[in-house]
């Protein structure tokens, strides 16, 4: 259960209407619970959207970015993150079989060397913060320095996202299946 109210357009004062216009133009409609919760801090939400959009406009391939995000979601058992990024992964070219294999990517033959290196980096950074030189070099061997910085920013950004969702108790919307049905709550 959310720890702050989900503020909808009809709850906002006139000065906040442009923020809702932006949310509806840039994000899915109906607006996701994470954004409705963050409307409680409109200045920070506006900056949050700008930063998130910059990550989506990076040179890093959307496919690798989504694999990293989904790996963060599985490593933290964030039902919200995984559920919301399944569709992004499909749009980036991942198959349903690959989406189902992200949690156990190490033993899967559905991912190539670059993809596994990116996922290892995301998992190690998420679980240990610092990453080994070996893990870094394995990913860096496939990407440019710019892409490695973009990947690092994406991994860190989505780690902050799952922690925000956990802190605020963001509810997974009913139209998304819970990827962790044994647990109705996320465990960031």
Protein backbone atom coordinates (compact mmCIF):
# COMPACT_ATOMS: atom_id res chain seq x y z
CA UNK A 1 0.00 0.00 0.00
CA UNK A 2 1.37 3.37 -1.00
CA UNK A 3 2.73 5.56 1.77
CA UNK A 4 1.82 8.79 -0.03
CA UNK A 5 -1.32 9.55 -2.01
CA UNK A 6 -1.47 9.03 -5.76
CA UNK A 7 -2.34 12.52 -6.94
CA UNK A 8 -4.36 12.56 -10.15
CA UNK A 9 -4.92 15.46 -12.52
CA UNK A 10 -8.22 16.29 -10.82
CA UNK A 11 -6.37 16.55 -7.47
CA UNK A 12 -3.83 19.07 -8.80
CA UNK A 13 -4.01 22.81 -8.66
CA UNK A 14 -3.87 24.81 -11.88
CA UNK A 15 -0.10 25.38 -11.66
CA UNK A 16 0.53 21.62 -11.81
CA UNK A 17 -1.56 20.95 -14.95
CA UNK A 18 1.49 21.29 -17.27
CA UNK A 19 3.20 18.48 -15.35
CA UNK A 20 0.21 16.20 -15.95
CA UNK A 21 0.23 17.24 -19.62
CA UNK A 22 3.88 16.20 -19.76
CA UNK A 23 3.22 12.89 -18.02
CA UNK A 24 0.41 12.05 -20.42
CA UNK A 25 2.48 13.04 -23.46
CA UNK A 26 5.67 11.19 -22.44
CA UNK A 27 4.39 8.19 -20.47
CA UNK A 28 1.66 5.61 -20.65
CA UNK A 29 -1.95 6.56 -20.08
CA UNK A 30 -3.34 5.94 -17.55
CA UNK A 31 -0.45 7.39 -15.61
CA UNK A 32 1.55 4.81 -13.66
CA UNK A 33 1.41 4.80 -9.88
CA UNK A 34 5.08 5.72 -9.51
CA UNK A 35 4.48 9.02 -11.28
CA UNK A 36 1.22 9.69 -9.45
CA UNK A 37 3.09 9.28 -6.16
CA UNK A 38 5.94 11.52 -7.30
CA UNK A 39 3.48 14.30 -8.18
CA UNK A 40 3.59 15.04 -4.45
CA UNK A 41 6.99 16.62 -5.23
CA UNK A 42 6.33 18.25 -8.64
CA UNK A 43 9.71 19.96 -9.09
CA UNK A 44 11.56 16.71 -8.45
CA UNK A 45 9.18 14.74 -10.70
CA UNK A 46 9.84 17.17 -13.55
CA UNK A 47 13.61 16.67 -13.16
CA UNK A 48 13.10 12.91 -12.73
CA UNK A 49 11.33 12.76 -16.11
CA UNK A 50 14.03 14.81 -17.82
CA UNK A 51 16.79 12.56 -16.51
CA UNK A 52 14.91 9.37 -17.40
CA UNK A 53 14.31 10.69 -20.92
CA UNK A 54 18.02 11.44 -21.33
CA UNK A 55 18.81 7.79 -20.59
CA UNK A 56 16.35 6.66 -23.25
CA UNK A 57 18.03 8.96 -25.79
CA UNK A 58 21.49 7.49 -25.17
CA UNK A 59 23.75 5.69 -27.67
CA UNK A 60 23.44 2.48 -25.63
CA UNK A 61 21.11 0.11 -27.45
CA UNK A 62 17.58 -0.03 -26.00
CA UNK A 63 17.91 -3.83 -25.91
CA UNK A 64 20.98 -3.71 -23.65
CA UNK A 65 19.45 -0.96 -21.52
CA UNK A 66 16.29 -3.02 -20.96
CA UNK A 67 18.29 -6.15 -20.15
CA UNK A 68 20.19 -4.13 -17.53
CA UNK A 69 16.96 -2.66 -16.11
CA UNK A 70 15.25 -6.04 -15.94
CA UNK A 71 18.33 -7.50 -14.26
CA UNK A 72 18.17 -4.74 -11.64
CA UNK A 73 14.49 -5.54 -11.16
CA UNK A 74 15.11 -9.25 -10.70
CA UNK A 75 18.15 -8.72 -8.45
CA UNK A 76 16.07 -6.53 -6.13
CA UNK A 77 12.86 -8.56 -6.61
CA UNK A 78 11.04 -5.39 -7.61
CA UNK A 79 7.77 -6.64 -9.05
CA UNK A 80 6.94 -3.11 -10.18
CA UNK A 81 10.17 -2.65 -12.14
CA UNK A 82 10.08 -6.05 -13.81
CA UNK A 83 6.39 -5.84 -14.69
CA UNK A 84 6.70 -2.37 -16.20
CA UNK A 85 9.81 -3.14 -18.22
CA UNK A 86 8.57 -6.36 -19.81
CA UNK A 87 6.81 -4.32 -22.52
CA UNK A 88 9.86 -2.09 -22.95
CA UNK A 89 11.98 -5.20 -23.41
CA UNK A 90 9.62 -6.52 -26.09
CA UNK A 91 9.68 -3.15 -27.86
CA UNK A 92 13.50 -3.27 -27.75
CA UNK A 93 13.52 -6.63 -29.52
CA UNK A 94 13.64 -9.16 -26.69
CA UNK A 95 11.54 -12.28 -27.07
CA UNK A 96 9.06 -13.63 -24.53
CA UNK A 97 11.49 -16.51 -23.94
CA UNK A 98 14.32 -14.09 -23.19
CA UNK A 99 12.13 -12.09 -20.82
CA UNK A 100 11.34 -15.29 -18.95
CA UNK A 101 15.05 -16.17 -18.77
CA UNK A 102 16.42 -12.87 -17.43
CA UNK A 103 16.33 -14.02 -13.80
CA UNK A 104 18.55 -17.00 -14.69
CA UNK A 105 20.52 -15.41 -17.52
CA UNK A 106 23.82 -17.04 -16.52
CA UNK A 107 22.53 -20.52 -17.35
CA UNK A 108 20.56 -19.47 -20.43
CA UNK A 109 21.71 -19.86 -24.02
CA UNK A 110 19.25 -17.17 -25.13
CA UNK A 111 21.71 -14.32 -24.53
CA UNK A 112 24.95 -13.56 -26.34
CA UNK A 113 28.26 -12.61 -24.72
CA UNK A 114 27.59 -8.88 -24.81
CA UNK A 115 24.16 -9.26 -23.26
CA UNK A 116 25.45 -11.52 -20.48
CA UNK A 117 28.33 -9.15 -19.75
CA UNK A 118 25.89 -6.23 -19.43
CA UNK A 119 23.58 -8.26 -17.21
CA UNK A 120 26.47 -9.39 -14.99
CA UNK A 121 27.51 -5.76 -14.59
CA UNK A 122 23.96 -4.75 -13.65
CA UNK A 123 23.57 -7.61 -11.19
CA UNK A 124 26.95 -7.14 -9.52
CA UNK A 125 26.51 -3.38 -9.22
CA UNK A 126 23.03 -3.83 -7.78
CA UNK A 127 23.99 -6.44 -5.23
CA UNK A 128 27.50 -5.29 -4.32
CA UNK A 129 27.68 -1.63 -5.46
CA UNK A 130 31.34 -1.89 -6.50
CA UNK A 131 32.04 -4.10 -9.47
CA UNK A 132 35.12 -6.17 -10.08
CA UNK A 133 37.61 -5.21 -12.74
CA UNK A 134 36.84 -8.48 -14.51
CA UNK A 135 33.10 -7.72 -14.70
CA UNK A 136 33.77 -4.17 -15.89
CA UNK A 137 36.25 -5.26 -18.57
CA UNK A 138 33.90 -7.97 -19.85
CA UNK A 139 31.21 -5.38 -20.60
CA UNK A 140 33.66 -2.67 -21.69
CA UNK A 141 35.10 -5.06 -24.25
CA UNK A 142 31.82 -4.77 -26.18
CA UNK A 143 30.91 -1.11 -25.65
CA UNK A 144 32.43 2.33 -26.13
CA UNK A 145 33.42 4.45 -23.14
CA UNK A 146 30.35 6.61 -23.77
CA UNK A 147 28.09 3.57 -23.78
CA UNK A 148 29.70 2.27 -20.58
CA UNK A 149 28.98 5.58 -18.86
CA UNK A 150 25.39 5.50 -20.18
CA UNK A 151 25.03 1.91 -19.00
CA UNK A 152 26.41 2.83 -15.57
CA UNK A 153 23.99 5.75 -15.31
CA UNK A 154 21.08 3.52 -16.35
CA UNK A 155 21.96 0.82 -13.82
CA UNK A 156 22.34 3.38 -11.04
CA UNK A 157 19.17 5.24 -12.07
CA UNK A 158 17.00 2.14 -12.02
CA UNK A 159 18.56 1.06 -8.72
CA UNK A 160 17.40 4.38 -7.32
CA UNK A 161 13.99 3.80 -8.89
CA UNK A 162 13.41 0.43 -7.23
CA UNK A 163 14.43 1.93 -3.91
CA UNK A 164 12.04 4.86 -4.36
CA UNK A 165 9.26 2.37 -5.16
CA UNK A 166 10.12 0.33 -2.09
CA UNK A 167 10.32 3.35 0.20
CA UNK A 168 7.02 4.78 -1.02
CA UNK A 169 5.29 1.38 -1.16
CA UNK A 170 4.21 1.84 -4.77
CA UNK A 171 1.46 -0.61 -5.72
CA UNK A 172 1.68 -2.62 -8.93
CA UNK A 173 -1.28 -1.68 -11.07
CA UNK A 174 -3.94 -4.38 -11.57
CA UNK A 175 -3.32 -4.57 -15.33
CA UNK A 176 0.26 -5.82 -14.78
CA UNK A 177 0.94 -9.41 -13.77
CA UNK A 178 3.11 -9.81 -10.68
CA UNK A 179 6.33 -11.56 -11.78
CA UNK A 180 6.81 -12.72 -8.18
CA UNK A 181 3.35 -14.14 -7.36
CA UNK A 182 4.68 -15.92 -4.27
CA UNK A 183 5.14 -12.48 -2.77
CA UNK A 184 2.68 -9.66 -3.23
CA UNK A 185 5.15 -7.07 -2.01
CA UNK A 186 8.38 -5.96 -3.62
CA UNK A 187 11.57 -6.64 -1.73
CA UNK A 188 14.12 -4.01 -2.80
